[in-house]
Amino acid sequence: MEFDAADEAAAKLREFSYPAEIEADMQALLESVTNLDVDEVQRVAGRLSEEMANGV
C-alpha cells in the first residue's frame, strides 16, 4: 500500500460515523491503514465484513 493512497483511504474512512458495535474495529482499521500494515488491514477488514454480514 502506497503512503499517499493510505492517507487518502484513512481520510475517507474518517468522514463517516459508525455503529458503536464496530467503532473499535474501525479505529483498528484506521490505525492499520495509517501504519501501512497490510496484514492487519486484511484481518480487521475481514472481521468487519463478517460483522456487517451479520447485521451490525
PDB file of N, CA and C in Angstrom:
ATOM      1  N   MET A   1       0.850  -1.168   0.000  1.00  0.00           N
ATOM      2  CA  MET A   1       0.000   0.000   0.000  1.00  0.00           C
ATOM      3  C   MET A   1       0.895   1.230   0.000  1.00  0.00           C
ATOM      4  N   GLU A   2       0.649   2.116  -0.904  1.00  0.00           N
ATOM      5  CA  GLU A   2       1.410   3.338  -1.022  1.00  0.00           C
ATOM      6  C   GLU A   2       0.993   4.326   0.066  1.00  0.00           C
ATOM      7  N   PHE A   3       1.935   5.101   0.578  1.00  0.00           N
ATOM      8  CA  PHE A   3       1.676   6.013   1.684  1.00  0.00           C
ATOM      9  C   PHE A   3       0.568   7.014   1.373  1.00  0.00           C
ATOM     10  N   ASP A   4       0.628   7.682   0.211  1.00  0.00           N
ATOM     11  CA  ASP A   4      -0.394   8.673  -0.145  1.00  0.00           C
ATOM     12  C   ASP A   4      -1.768   8.026  -0.281  1.00  0.00           C
ATOM     13  N   ALA A   5      -1.813   6.853  -0.869  1.00  0.00           N
ATOM     14  CA  ALA A   5      -3.089   6.144  -1.025  1.00  0.00           C
ATOM     15  C   ALA A   5      -3.650   5.751   0.341  1.00  0.00           C
ATOM     16  N   ALA A   6      -2.769   5.360   1.260  1.00  0.00           N
ATOM     17  CA  ALA A   6      -3.205   5.002   2.604  1.00  0.00           C
ATOM     18  C   ALA A   6      -3.784   6.218   3.321  1.00  0.00           C
ATOM     19  N   ASP A   7      -3.134   7.362   3.185  1.00  0.00           N
ATOM     20  CA  ASP A   7      -3.651   8.597   3.797  1.00  0.00           C
ATOM     21  C   ASP A   7      -5.019   8.961   3.234  1.00  0.00           C
ATOM     22  N   GLU A   8      -5.177   8.839   1.936  1.00  0.00           N
ATOM     23  CA  GLU A   8      -6.462   9.148   1.306  1.00  0.00           C
ATOM     24  C   GLU A   8      -7.557   8.192   1.779  1.00  0.00           C
ATOM     25  N   ALA A   9      -7.234   6.915   1.860  1.00  0.00           N
ATOM     26  CA  ALA A   9      -8.213   5.926   2.319  1.00  0.00           C
ATOM     27  C   ALA A   9      -8.614   6.202   3.761  1.00  0.00           C
ATOM     28  N   ALA A  10      -7.648   6.498   4.615  1.00  0.00           N
ATOM     29  CA  ALA A  10      -7.947   6.782   6.020  1.00  0.00           C
ATOM     30  C   ALA A  10      -8.796   8.042   6.140  1.00  0.00           C
ATOM     31  N   ALA A  11      -8.502   9.050   5.359  1.00  0.00           N
ATOM     32  CA  ALA A  11      -9.282  10.290   5.405  1.00  0.00           C
ATOM     33  C   ALA A  11     -10.732  10.031   5.003  1.00  0.00           C
ATOM     34  N   LYS A  12     -10.940   9.213   3.997  1.00  0.00           N
ATOM     35  CA  LYS A  12     -12.307   8.883   3.567  1.00  0.00           C
ATOM     36  C   LYS A  12     -13.049   8.109   4.649  1.00  0.00           C
ATOM     37  N   LEU A  13     -12.358   7.177   5.305  1.00  0.00           N
ATOM     38  CA  LEU A  13     -12.986   6.395   6.362  1.00  0.00           C
ATOM     39  C   LEU A  13     -13.376   7.278   7.550  1.00  0.00           C
ATOM     40  N   ARG A  14     -12.587   8.303   7.822  1.00  0.00           N
ATOM     41  CA  ARG A  14     -12.868   9.194   8.949  1.00  0.00           C
ATOM     42  C   ARG A  14     -14.078  10.093   8.695  1.00  0.00           C
ATOM     43  N   GLU A  15     -14.514  10.215   7.450  1.00  0.00           N
ATOM     44  CA  GLU A  15     -15.653  11.070   7.113  1.00  0.00           C
ATOM     45  C   GLU A  15     -16.980  10.496   7.601  1.00  0.00           C
ATOM     46  N   PHE A  16     -17.005   9.231   7.923  1.00  0.00           N
ATOM     47  CA  PHE A  16     -18.249   8.560   8.280  1.00  0.00           C
ATOM     48  C   PHE A  16     -18.325   8.314   9.777  1.00  0.00           C
ATOM     49  N   SER A  17     -19.545   8.150  10.252  1.00  0.00           N
ATOM     50  CA  SER A  17     -19.735   7.689  11.623  1.00  0.00           C
ATOM     51  C   SER A  17     -20.188   6.234  11.543  1.00  0.00           C
ATOM     52  N   TYR A  18     -19.843   5.465  12.557  1.00  0.00           N
ATOM     53  CA  TYR A  18     -20.081   4.035  12.533  1.00  0.00           C
ATOM     54  C   TYR A  18     -20.862   3.607  13.765  1.00  0.00           C
ATOM     55  N   PRO A  19     -21.610   2.510  13.653  1.00  0.00           N
ATOM     56  CA  PRO A  19     -22.321   1.991  14.828  1.00  0.00           C
ATOM     57  C   PRO A  19     -21.327   1.639  15.937  1.00  0.00           C
ATOM     58  N   ALA A  20     -21.784   1.789  17.161  1.00  0.00           N
ATOM     59  CA  ALA A  20     -20.920   1.520  18.320  1.00  0.00           C
ATOM     60  C   ALA A  20     -20.340   0.116  18.286  1.00  0.00           C
ATOM     61  N   GLU A  21     -21.089  -0.839  17.727  1.00  0.00           N
ATOM     62  CA  GLU A  21     -20.646  -2.236  17.695  1.00  0.00           C
ATOM     63  C   GLU A  21     -19.372  -2.437  16.876  1.00  0.00           C
ATOM     64  N   ILE A  22     -19.124  -1.558  15.917  1.00  0.00           N
ATOM     65  CA  ILE A  22     -17.932  -1.728  15.078  1.00  0.00           C
ATOM     66  C   ILE A  22     -16.934  -0.585  15.229  1.00  0.00           C
ATOM     67  N   GLU A  23     -17.206   0.340  16.128  1.00  0.00           N
ATOM     68  CA  GLU A  23     -16.329   1.507  16.295  1.00  0.00           C
ATOM     69  C   GLU A  23     -14.888   1.100  16.612  1.00  0.00           C
ATOM     70  N   ALA A  24     -14.695   0.147  17.511  1.00  0.00           N
ATOM     71  CA  ALA A  24     -13.336  -0.283  17.872  1.00  0.00           C
ATOM     72  C   ALA A  24     -12.623  -0.900  16.672  1.00  0.00           C
ATOM     73  N   ASP A  25     -13.344  -1.692  15.885  1.00  0.00           N
ATOM     74  CA  ASP A  25     -12.721  -2.292  14.695  1.00  0.00           C
ATOM     75  C   ASP A  25     -12.405  -1.229  13.646  1.00  0.00           C
ATOM     76  N   MET A  26     -13.259  -0.225  13.525  1.00  0.00           N
ATOM     77  CA  MET A  26     -12.972   0.846  12.573  1.00  0.00           C
ATOM     78  C   MET A  26     -11.723   1.612  13.000  1.00  0.00           C
ATOM     79  N   GLN A  27     -11.592   1.853  14.292  1.00  0.00           N
ATOM     80  CA  GLN A  27     -10.392   2.527  14.798  1.00  0.00           C
ATOM     81  C   GLN A  27      -9.155   1.676  14.521  1.00  0.00           C
ATOM     82  N   ALA A  28      -9.272   0.374  14.739  1.00  0.00           N
ATOM     83  CA  ALA A  28      -8.156  -0.531  14.458  1.00  0.00           C
ATOM     84  C   ALA A  28      -7.814  -0.524  12.971  1.00  0.00           C
ATOM     85  N   LEU A  29      -8.833  -0.470  12.132  1.00  0.00           N
ATOM     86  CA  LEU A  29      -8.605  -0.423  10.683  1.00  0.00           C
ATOM     87  C   LEU A  29      -7.879   0.859  10.296  1.00  0.00           C
ATOM     88  N   LEU A  30      -8.323   1.989  10.834  1.00  0.00           N
ATOM     89  CA  LEU A  30      -7.665   3.261  10.534  1.00  0.00           C
ATOM     90  C   LEU A  30      -6.207   3.251  10.976  1.00  0.00           C
ATOM     91  N   GLU A  31      -5.941   2.715  12.142  1.00  0.00           N
ATOM     92  CA  GLU A  31      -4.556   2.636  12.619  1.00  0.00           C
ATOM     93  C   GLU A  31      -3.715   1.748  11.712  1.00  0.00           C
ATOM     94  N   SER A  32      -4.290   0.642  11.281  1.00  0.00           N
ATOM     95  CA  SER A  32      -3.570  -0.283  10.402  1.00  0.00           C
ATOM     96  C   SER A  32      -3.264   0.352   9.054  1.00  0.00           C
ATOM     97  N   VAL A  33      -4.233   1.082   8.527  1.00  0.00           N
ATOM     98  CA  VAL A  33      -4.031   1.769   7.245  1.00  0.00           C
ATOM     99  C   VAL A  33      -2.946   2.828   7.412  1.00  0.00           C
ATOM    100  N   THR A  34      -3.039   3.609   8.473  1.00  0.00           N
ATOM    101  CA  THR A  34      -2.050   4.660   8.732  1.00  0.00           C
ATOM    102  C   THR A  34      -0.652   4.075   8.872  1.00  0.00           C
ATOM    103  N   ASN A  35      -0.550   2.914   9.498  1.00  0.00           N
ATOM    104  CA  ASN A  35       0.746   2.263   9.709  1.00  0.00           C
ATOM    105  C   ASN A  35       1.200   1.408   8.522  1.00  0.00           C
ATOM    106  N   LEU A  36       0.397   1.393   7.471  1.00  0.00           N
ATOM    107  CA  LEU A  36       0.708   0.601   6.273  1.00  0.00           C
ATOM    108  C   LEU A  36       0.888  -0.880   6.598  1.00  0.00           C
ATOM    109  N   ASP A  37       0.111  -1.362   7.551  1.00  0.00           N
ATOM    110  CA  ASP A  37       0.168  -2.759   7.975  1.00  0.00           C
ATOM    111  C   ASP A  37      -0.871  -3.559   7.191  1.00  0.00           C
ATOM    112  N   VAL A  38      -0.481  -4.022   6.027  1.00  0.00           N
ATOM    113  CA  VAL A  38      -1.396  -4.678   5.103  1.00  0.00           C
ATOM    114  C   VAL A  38      -2.016  -5.929   5.721  1.00  0.00           C
ATOM    115  N   ASP A  39      -1.230  -6.707   6.422  1.00  0.00           N
ATOM    116  CA  ASP A  39      -1.765  -7.927   7.042  1.00  0.00           C
ATOM    117  C   ASP A  39      -2.861  -7.601   8.052  1.00  0.00           C
ATOM    118  N   GLU A  40      -2.624  -6.595   8.872  1.00  0.00           N
ATOM    119  CA  GLU A  40      -3.617  -6.207   9.873  1.00  0.00           C
ATOM    120  C   GLU A  40      -4.845  -5.587   9.209  1.00  0.00           C
ATOM    121  N   VAL A  41      -4.646  -4.812   8.153  1.00  0.00           N
ATOM    122  CA  VAL A  41      -5.785  -4.253   7.404  1.00  0.00           C
ATOM    123  C   VAL A  41      -6.671  -5.387   6.913  1.00  0.00           C
ATOM    124  N   GLN A  42      -6.072  -6.410   6.345  1.00  0.00           N
ATOM    125  CA  GLN A  42      -6.855  -7.532   5.827  1.00  0.00           C
ATOM    126  C   GLN A  42      -7.570  -8.279   6.941  1.00  0.00           C
ATOM    127  N   ARG A  43      -6.910  -8.462   8.080  1.00  0.00           N
ATOM    128  CA  ARG A  43      -7.520  -9.170   9.201  1.00  0.00           C
ATOM    129  C   ARG A  43      -8.719  -8.394   9.752  1.00  0.00           C
ATOM    130  N   VAL A  44      -8.531  -7.102   9.994  1.00  0.00           N
ATOM    131  CA  VAL A  44      -9.609  -6.283  10.551  1.00  0.00           C
ATOM    132  C   VAL A  44     -10.737  -6.124   9.531  1.00  0.00           C
ATOM    133  N   ALA A  45     -10.389  -5.929   8.276  1.00  0.00           N
ATOM    134  CA  ALA A  45     -11.414  -5.794   7.238  1.00  0.00           C
ATOM    135  C   ALA A  45     -12.243  -7.071   7.125  1.00  0.00           C
ATOM    136  N   GLY A  46     -11.603  -8.215   7.252  1.00  0.00           N
ATOM    137  CA  GLY A  46     -12.340  -9.480   7.235  1.00  0.00           C
ATOM    138  C   GLY A  46     -13.303  -9.587   8.399  1.00  0.00           C
ATOM    139  N   ARG A  47     -12.847  -9.165   9.570  1.00  0.00           N
ATOM    140  CA  ARG A  47     -13.704  -9.190  10.758  1.00  0.00           C
ATOM    141  C   ARG A  47     -14.884  -8.218  10.578  1.00  0.00           C
ATOM    142  N   LEU A  48     -14.620  -7.033  10.053  1.00  0.00           N
ATOM    143  CA  LEU A  48     -15.687  -6.067   9.798  1.00  0.00           C
ATOM    144  C   LEU A  48     -16.690  -6.605   8.783  1.00  0.00           C
ATOM    145  N   SER A  49     -16.190  -7.251   7.771  1.00  0.00           N
ATOM    146  CA  SER A  49     -17.058  -7.823   6.751  1.00  0.00           C
ATOM    147  C   SER A  49     -18.014  -8.849   7.365  1.00  0.00           C
ATOM    148  N   GLU A  50     -17.483  -9.692   8.238  1.00  0.00           N
ATOM    149  CA  GLU A  50     -18.312 -10.689   8.914  1.00  0.00           C
ATOM    150  C   GLU A  50     -19.356 -10.019   9.810  1.00  0.00           C
ATOM    151  N   GLU A  51     -18.934  -8.997  10.548  1.00  0.00           N
ATOM    152  CA  GLU A  51     -19.858  -8.295  11.427  1.00  0.00           C
ATOM    153  C   GLU A  51     -20.987  -7.645  10.633  1.00  0.00           C
ATOM    154  N   MET A  52     -20.649  -7.026   9.520  1.00  0.00           N
ATOM    155  CA  MET A  52     -21.672  -6.377   8.691  1.00  0.00           C
ATOM    156  C   MET A  52     -22.588  -7.394   8.044  1.00  0.00           C
ATOM    157  N   ALA A  53     -22.055  -8.529   7.666  1.00  0.00           N
ATOM    158  CA  ALA A  53     -22.877  -9.593   7.078  1.00  0.00           C
ATOM    159  C   ALA A  53     -23.883 -10.135   8.095  1.00  0.00           C
ATOM    160  N   ASN A  54     -23.508 -10.018   9.388  1.00  0.00           N
ATOM    161  CA  ASN A  54     -24.385 -10.481  10.458  1.00  0.00           C
ATOM    162  C   ASN A  54     -25.325  -9.387  10.943  1.00  0.00           C
ATOM    163  N   GLY A  55     -25.385  -8.288  10.223  1.00  0.00           N
ATOM    164  CA  GLY A  55     -26.363  -7.261  10.510  1.00  0.00           C
ATOM    165  C   GLY A  55     -25.954  -6.170  11.469  1.00  0.00           C
ATOM    166  N   VAL A  56     -24.680  -5.991  11.684  1.00  0.00           N
ATOM    167  CA  VAL A  56     -24.232  -4.907  12.573  1.00  0.00           C
ATOM    168  C   VAL A  56     -24.275  -3.615  11.827  1.00  0.00           C
TER     169      VAL A  56
END
